[in-house]
Amino acid sequence: MIEPLPVTNAFGVRCYGSIGGLVVMLSFGGAALFDRTGSYRLAFVLDAAGFAAAGVLFALMAASMRGRGYRVAAARAGMR
């Protein structure tokens, strides 16, 4: 599993538990959609859209961090 590495690098160890909890909570949403519709199709479509949005947001965040002292700013914000 490579997911913890970019999440920890981006948001710090302090926020990892909250983000992990959100991911687990959203996975139960897929099960609830299956119970309502009898199909995983909507859950898969929403999951794919979420991954695409996350990819765009990570790319934008990485682009905005280049050339800046983001580690210093993250430390000041208590993220590292």
Protein backbone atom coordinates (compact mmCIF):
# COMPACT_ATOMS: atom_id res chain seq x y z
CA MET A 1 0.00 0.00 0.00
CA ILE A 2 1.54 3.24 -1.13
CA GLU A 3 -1.34 5.51 -0.06
CA PRO A 4 0.09 6.49 3.36
CA LEU A 5 3.26 7.96 1.85
CA PRO A 6 1.80 10.83 -0.22
CA VAL A 7 -0.87 11.57 2.38
CA THR A 8 1.70 11.81 5.17
CA ASN A 9 4.07 13.86 3.03
CA ALA A 10 1.31 16.24 1.97
CA PHE A 11 -0.57 16.70 5.24
CA GLY A 12 1.79 15.47 7.96
CA VAL A 13 1.52 12.71 10.50
CA ARG A 14 -0.88 14.68 12.70
CA CYS A 15 -3.60 14.73 10.00
CA TYR A 16 -3.13 11.16 8.75
CA GLY A 17 -5.61 9.59 11.17
CA SER A 18 -8.37 12.04 10.25
CA ILE A 19 -7.85 11.51 6.54
CA GLY A 20 -7.69 7.73 6.98
CA GLY A 21 -10.92 7.81 8.98
CA LEU A 22 -12.63 9.82 6.25
CA VAL A 23 -11.56 7.28 3.64
CA VAL A 24 -12.95 4.39 5.70
CA MET A 25 -16.19 6.26 6.33
CA LEU A 26 -16.62 6.94 2.61
CA SER A 27 -16.05 3.28 1.80
CA PHE A 28 -19.15 2.45 3.85
CA GLY A 29 -21.02 4.89 1.59
CA GLY A 30 -20.33 2.54 -1.32
CA ALA A 31 -21.86 -0.35 0.60
CA ALA A 32 -24.93 1.75 1.37
CA LEU A 33 -25.29 2.60 -2.34
CA PHE A 34 -25.14 -1.10 -3.18
CA ASP A 35 -27.84 -1.84 -0.60
CA ARG A 36 -30.11 0.81 -2.14
CA THR A 37 -29.49 0.17 -5.84
CA GLY A 38 -28.41 -3.50 -5.95
CA SER A 39 -25.41 -2.52 -8.08
CA TYR A 40 -21.94 -1.17 -7.50
CA ARG A 41 -22.06 0.92 -10.69
CA LEU A 42 -22.88 4.25 -9.00
CA ALA A 43 -20.33 3.60 -6.25
CA PHE A 44 -17.62 2.89 -8.84
CA VAL A 45 -18.49 6.00 -10.85
CA LEU A 46 -18.39 8.19 -7.74
CA ASP A 47 -15.13 6.55 -6.67
CA ALA A 48 -13.55 7.20 -10.06
CA ALA A 49 -14.71 10.83 -9.98
CA GLY A 50 -13.25 11.20 -6.48
CA PHE A 51 -9.91 9.78 -7.60
CA ALA A 52 -9.84 12.11 -10.60
CA ALA A 53 -10.63 15.13 -8.41
CA ALA A 54 -7.97 14.08 -5.90
CA GLY A 55 -5.41 13.72 -8.69
CA VAL A 56 -6.16 17.21 -9.96
CA LEU A 57 -5.98 18.66 -6.45
CA PHE A 58 -2.67 16.91 -5.68
CA ALA A 59 -1.23 18.16 -8.99
CA LEU A 60 -2.34 21.72 -8.25
CA MET A 61 -0.96 21.50 -4.74
CA ALA A 62 2.38 20.14 -5.97
CA ALA A 63 2.61 22.89 -8.56
CA SER A 64 1.95 25.56 -5.96
CA MET A 65 4.60 24.11 -3.60
CA ARG A 66 7.45 24.15 -6.10
CA GLY A 67 10.02 26.78 -5.37
CA ARG A 68 8.53 27.70 -2.01
CA GLY A 69 9.62 26.84 1.46
CA TYR A 70 6.53 24.71 2.01
CA ARG A 71 8.22 22.60 4.68
CA VAL A 72 8.84 25.69 6.77
CA ALA A 73 5.26 26.86 6.26
CA ALA A 74 3.93 23.40 7.12
CA ALA A 75 6.01 23.33 10.29
CA ARG A 76 4.64 26.74 11.30
CA ALA A 77 1.10 25.49 10.72
CA GLY A 78 1.76 22.43 12.90
CA MET A 79 1.55 19.96 10.03
CA ARG A 80 5.06 18.54 10.45
